[in-house]
Each structure stands twice: as structure tokens, then as C-alpha cells.
Amino acid sequence: LSTKAPLFIRDVLNDPLTASIREVMTMRDVRSLLILPLIVRNEVIGTIGLDRIGEIGNFSPSQVALAQTITNQVAVAAANAQLYEDARRRAVQLATIQEVTSRITAILNPEELLTQVANLLADRFGYYHVHVFTVDSTGIYLVARGGSREAGRVIVNEGARLAINAVGICAWVAVHRETLIVNDVSLEPRYRSHPALAATQAEIVAPIELGGRLLGVLDV
């Protein structure tokens, strides 16, 4: 991974580089090993390995050439697949934006609108939960207004609200008006859990602003 270069290990059972996998190699009777990096856009995304079973030995030039050819073809396929996935994801995003815009113009009830938007985002992108909090008339609290699925209904019905000056991810975003990404909530001291969202592992919160005024936050 660090050198981005092929690695040949002649004696797997006695080489220090294979210490962590020696038990598995012994069970499989692997004696020599050739590992080639799978590189896409100058980043190693995996490896392809050739095992020599039963006896220590070298790999022939034709075996190495075959492995390198396969590796190159897999790298091209992986790159193409990534490009396709990026294009597909972008198409879904644009379609979702269009659908959200269409619903905004058709729905006059704020609670219904925010709930539909939350459900739409959660469904289209496969999110565990999406919620919209809006600033109340006092400017002191963020109030739960629309959330996705059953958890969203529970949170709204219980009248959940968060003090903007309190400790919390949503409160921090409301104060600083910056999007905050937390890829592991267990390591984030500002994270506050909710019983209805016990499976949350990562979170992103973005401010909702209009004309320089904070309206609320979008919590994913």
C-alpha cells in the first residue's frame, strides 16, 4: 500500500511481513506469494495475489505478466465503475432537487412540506434519518418540525426542541452557520443521542438560511 509496487515473498512461513497472516497461510499450505497493487487514480484500492502452494518457488515471467495484465484490466474496470457510480449519484441528486422544488411549490402546509422533504431525502439517498429543525419565534430554540419515517413522527410529536446555546451538533451549526460533518459520532463530544435514533453512526448538519437570516438546520 505504501510503495504502490508489486511484492514477492519467497518464503511466506518465515518472512516477517507475513507474520500476521502466517496461521492462515499455514492452513492453506501457501509457501510463496506475489502481491500486485490495484491502482485507480494513483490510489491503491486493493490487491491481487498469486499463491504458490506446497513448495517454495519463484513465479515465472509469464505468470507475473498474466497477473499484471489482470490487475491492469481490473483497475480500468474499477475506474469505469466509479465514473458510472458518480454519474448515477449526480443524476439522482439533480432529480431529487427537482422533485423537492416541485413539492415546495405545491404544498402550503409547512409541517407537511418539511416532512415530505425529509422523507424524500432519506428515501432517495438511503439515509437512516433526515430531520428539519426550525428556529422558533424567540430565536432561542431549534424546534423539530419535519422528520423522516416513524422516528421523525415520534420526535415531532414529543415536541423536541434544542436550545441554540446548548451543547450539541445542531446547536453548534445554528450558532456558527457552518455545515458540520461527523463521520463517527462516538468520537464527537458535541453529539447528543436520541432513543428513536439509537443506530446513528455518522451525522451531517447544514444551516438553512435565507437573506442572511437563519431559519433552521437540516440534520442527516
Protein backbone atom coordinates (compact mmCIF):
# COMPACT_ATOMS: atom_id res chain seq x y z
CA LEU A 1 0.00 0.00 0.00
CA SER A 2 2.78 2.44 0.86
CA THR A 3 5.06 1.74 -2.12
CA LYS A 4 2.33 1.07 -4.71
CA ALA A 5 4.65 -1.60 -6.09
CA PRO A 6 4.40 -5.39 -6.52
CA LEU A 7 5.77 -7.53 -3.69
CA PHE A 8 7.20 -11.04 -3.98
CA ILE A 9 7.60 -13.08 -0.80
CA ARG A 10 9.59 -16.22 -1.49
CA ASP A 11 9.24 -17.88 1.94
CA VAL A 12 5.83 -16.97 3.38
CA LEU A 13 6.22 -19.01 6.56
CA ASN A 14 9.42 -17.26 7.62
CA ASP A 15 9.09 -13.73 6.24
CA PRO A 16 8.35 -11.07 8.93
CA LEU A 17 5.93 -9.28 6.58
CA THR A 18 3.54 -12.27 6.72
CA ALA A 19 3.61 -12.72 10.50
CA SER A 20 0.00 -11.53 10.92
CA ILE A 21 -1.34 -14.00 8.33
CA ARG A 22 1.03 -16.92 8.95
CA GLU A 23 -1.62 -19.11 10.56
CA VAL A 24 -3.92 -18.75 7.57
CA MET A 25 -1.05 -19.30 5.14
CA THR A 26 -0.05 -22.46 7.00
CA MET A 27 -3.61 -23.83 6.90
CA ARG A 28 -3.74 -23.20 3.15
CA ASP A 29 -0.17 -24.53 2.66
CA VAL A 30 0.88 -21.32 0.90
CA ARG A 31 4.67 -21.17 0.58
CA SER A 32 5.36 -18.26 -1.80
CA LEU A 33 3.29 -15.22 -2.58
CA LEU A 34 3.15 -12.49 -5.22
CA ILE A 35 1.00 -9.42 -4.46
CA LEU A 36 0.26 -6.71 -7.04
CA PRO A 37 -1.38 -3.37 -6.20
CA LEU A 38 -4.68 -2.43 -7.80
CA ILE A 39 -4.27 1.28 -8.55
CA VAL A 40 -7.02 3.69 -9.60
CA ARG A 41 -6.24 7.39 -9.97
CA ASN A 42 -2.90 6.86 -8.24
CA GLU A 43 -4.61 5.34 -5.19
CA VAL A 44 -4.29 1.72 -4.13
CA ILE A 45 -7.84 0.37 -3.79
CA GLY A 46 -6.92 -3.29 -3.37
CA THR A 47 -4.55 -6.05 -4.35
CA ILE A 48 -4.42 -9.17 -6.50
CA GLY A 49 -2.44 -12.07 -5.08
CA LEU A 50 -0.94 -15.24 -6.54
CA ASP A 51 -0.21 -18.10 -4.13
CA ARG A 52 2.28 -20.90 -4.67
CA ILE A 53 1.04 -23.95 -2.78
CA GLY A 54 3.06 -26.80 -1.30
CA GLU A 55 6.60 -25.68 -2.10
CA ILE A 56 8.74 -22.56 -2.12
CA GLY A 57 9.38 -21.26 -5.61
CA ASN A 58 9.53 -18.30 -7.92
CA PHE A 59 6.83 -17.09 -10.26
CA SER A 60 7.61 -17.36 -13.94
CA PRO A 61 7.70 -14.26 -16.14
CA SER A 62 4.52 -15.43 -17.87
CA GLN A 63 2.71 -15.78 -14.51
CA VAL A 64 3.82 -12.30 -13.46
CA ALA A 65 2.79 -10.87 -16.84
CA LEU A 66 -0.63 -12.54 -16.59
CA ALA A 67 -1.16 -11.17 -13.07
CA GLN A 68 -0.14 -7.68 -14.19
CA THR A 69 -2.48 -7.84 -17.18
CA ILE A 70 -5.40 -8.89 -14.99
CA THR A 71 -4.54 -6.20 -12.45
CA ASN A 72 -4.49 -3.50 -15.14
CA GLN A 73 -7.83 -4.66 -16.55
CA VAL A 74 -9.44 -4.73 -13.11
CA ALA A 75 -8.11 -1.24 -12.41
CA VAL A 76 -9.67 0.09 -15.63
CA ALA A 77 -12.97 -1.65 -14.82
CA ALA A 78 -12.95 -0.23 -11.29
CA ALA A 79 -12.27 3.27 -12.60
CA ASN A 80 -15.10 2.99 -15.12
CA ALA A 81 -17.44 1.65 -12.46
CA GLN A 82 -16.58 4.58 -10.20
CA LEU A 83 -17.23 7.06 -13.01
CA TYR A 84 -20.59 5.41 -13.68
CA GLU A 85 -21.49 5.47 -9.99
CA ASP A 86 -20.52 9.14 -9.72
CA ALA A 87 -22.69 9.98 -12.74
CA ARG A 88 -25.59 7.93 -11.38
CA ARG A 89 -25.33 9.59 -7.97
CA ARG A 90 -25.25 13.04 -9.57
CA ALA A 91 -28.32 12.20 -11.65
CA VAL A 92 -30.18 11.11 -8.53
CA GLN A 93 -29.17 14.32 -6.77
CA LEU A 94 -30.41 16.50 -9.62
CA ALA A 95 -33.67 14.55 -9.85
CA THR A 96 -34.17 14.89 -6.10
CA ILE A 97 -33.54 18.65 -6.22
CA GLN A 98 -36.10 18.94 -9.00
CA GLU A 99 -38.64 16.87 -7.06
CA VAL A 100 -38.09 18.84 -3.85
CA THR A 101 -38.57 22.09 -5.78
CA SER A 102 -41.77 20.74 -7.33
CA ARG A 103 -43.19 19.74 -3.95
CA ILE A 104 -42.25 23.07 -2.37
CA THR A 105 -44.37 24.92 -4.89
CA ALA A 106 -47.33 22.56 -4.43
CA ILE A 107 -47.57 22.25 -0.63
CA LEU A 108 -48.68 25.16 1.54
CA ASN A 109 -48.66 23.48 4.96
CA PRO A 110 -45.14 23.86 6.48
CA GLU A 111 -45.24 20.68 8.57
CA GLU A 112 -46.41 18.58 5.63
CA LEU A 113 -43.81 20.18 3.36
CA LEU A 114 -40.86 19.61 5.73
CA THR A 115 -41.94 16.02 6.46
CA GLN A 116 -42.20 15.21 2.76
CA VAL A 117 -38.81 16.79 2.05
CA ALA A 118 -37.22 14.78 4.90
CA ASN A 119 -38.76 11.53 3.66
CA LEU A 120 -37.75 12.27 0.08
CA LEU A 121 -34.11 12.86 1.00
CA ALA A 122 -33.99 9.78 3.23
CA ASP A 123 -35.54 7.53 0.58
CA ARG A 124 -33.56 8.79 -2.43
CA PHE A 125 -30.15 8.64 -0.76
CA GLY A 126 -30.71 5.75 1.64
CA TYR A 127 -30.18 7.78 4.80
CA TYR A 128 -31.04 6.33 8.18
CA HIS A 129 -32.83 9.54 9.16
CA VAL A 130 -33.37 13.12 7.99
CA HIS A 131 -34.81 15.89 10.14
CA VAL A 132 -35.52 19.60 9.79
CA PHE A 133 -35.33 21.90 12.81
CA THR A 134 -36.53 25.50 12.55
CA VAL A 135 -35.72 28.47 14.77
CA ASP A 136 -38.71 29.42 16.94
CA SER A 137 -40.15 32.93 17.22
CA THR A 138 -37.94 33.74 20.22
CA GLY A 139 -34.75 32.84 18.38
CA ILE A 140 -33.71 30.75 21.38
CA TYR A 141 -34.68 27.23 20.32
CA LEU A 142 -34.46 24.89 17.35
CA VAL A 143 -37.81 23.09 17.10
CA ALA A 144 -38.32 19.72 15.40
CA ARG A 145 -40.68 20.39 12.50
CA GLY A 146 -40.35 17.55 9.99
CA GLY A 147 -38.60 14.19 10.11
CA SER A 148 -38.40 11.04 8.04
CA ARG A 149 -40.29 7.82 8.75
CA GLU A 150 -41.51 6.71 12.17
CA ALA A 151 -38.62 8.22 14.11
CA GLY A 152 -39.38 11.60 12.61
CA ARG A 153 -43.02 11.38 13.65
CA VAL A 154 -42.01 10.42 17.21
CA ILE A 155 -39.55 13.30 17.53
CA VAL A 156 -42.03 15.86 16.18
CA ASN A 157 -44.90 14.58 18.33
CA GLU A 158 -42.83 14.80 21.52
CA GLY A 159 -42.19 18.47 20.76
CA ALA A 160 -38.44 18.11 20.69
CA ARG A 161 -36.53 21.37 20.83
CA LEU A 162 -32.91 22.29 21.29
CA ALA A 163 -31.54 25.45 22.87
CA ILE A 164 -29.30 27.17 20.36
CA ASN A 165 -26.75 27.97 23.08
CA ALA A 166 -26.67 24.37 24.33
CA VAL A 167 -24.01 21.74 23.61
CA GLY A 168 -24.93 19.76 20.51
CA ILE A 169 -24.16 19.32 16.83
CA CYS A 170 -27.32 21.09 15.65
CA ALA A 171 -26.82 23.93 18.13
CA TRP A 172 -23.21 24.38 17.01
CA VAL A 173 -24.28 24.63 13.36
CA ALA A 174 -27.02 27.13 14.26
CA VAL A 175 -24.51 29.35 16.07
CA HIS A 176 -21.66 29.13 13.57
CA ARG A 177 -23.79 28.74 10.43
CA GLU A 178 -21.36 26.20 9.02
CA THR A 179 -22.01 22.69 7.80
CA LEU A 180 -20.61 20.12 10.22
CA ILE A 181 -19.70 16.56 9.21
CA VAL A 182 -19.18 13.94 11.91
CA ASN A 183 -18.15 10.57 10.46
CA ASP A 184 -18.07 8.83 13.86
CA VAL A 185 -20.46 10.20 16.48
CA SER A 186 -18.86 8.08 19.19
CA LEU A 187 -15.79 10.34 18.93
CA GLU A 188 -17.73 13.62 18.89
CA PRO A 189 -18.21 15.23 22.33
CA ARG A 190 -20.95 17.53 20.98
CA TYR A 191 -23.11 14.60 19.83
CA ARG A 192 -26.31 14.03 21.79
CA SER A 193 -28.14 10.76 21.17
CA HIS A 194 -31.90 10.25 20.91
CA PRO A 195 -33.65 6.96 21.82
CA ALA A 196 -35.53 6.95 18.50
CA LEU A 197 -32.24 7.18 16.59
CA ALA A 198 -30.11 4.73 18.54
CA ALA A 199 -28.39 3.32 15.43
CA THR A 200 -26.89 6.64 14.35
CA GLN A 201 -23.20 6.29 13.49
CA ALA A 202 -22.46 9.42 11.46
CA GLU A 203 -24.16 12.77 11.07
CA ILE A 204 -24.09 15.84 8.87
CA VAL A 205 -25.89 19.06 9.78
CA ALA A 206 -26.25 22.06 7.46
CA PRO A 207 -27.67 25.52 8.22
CA ILE A 208 -30.85 26.67 6.45
CA GLU A 209 -30.53 30.37 5.68
CA LEU A 210 -32.43 32.95 3.67
CA GLY A 211 -31.33 36.53 3.13
CA GLY A 212 -28.69 36.30 5.84
CA ARG A 213 -31.23 35.04 8.39
CA LEU A 214 -31.01 31.59 10.00
CA LEU A 215 -34.25 29.65 9.51
CA GLY A 216 -33.10 26.33 10.94
CA VAL A 217 -30.89 23.31 10.26
CA LEU A 218 -31.06 20.16 8.16
CA ASP A 219 -29.90 17.13 10.15
CA VAL A 220 -28.95 13.91 8.32
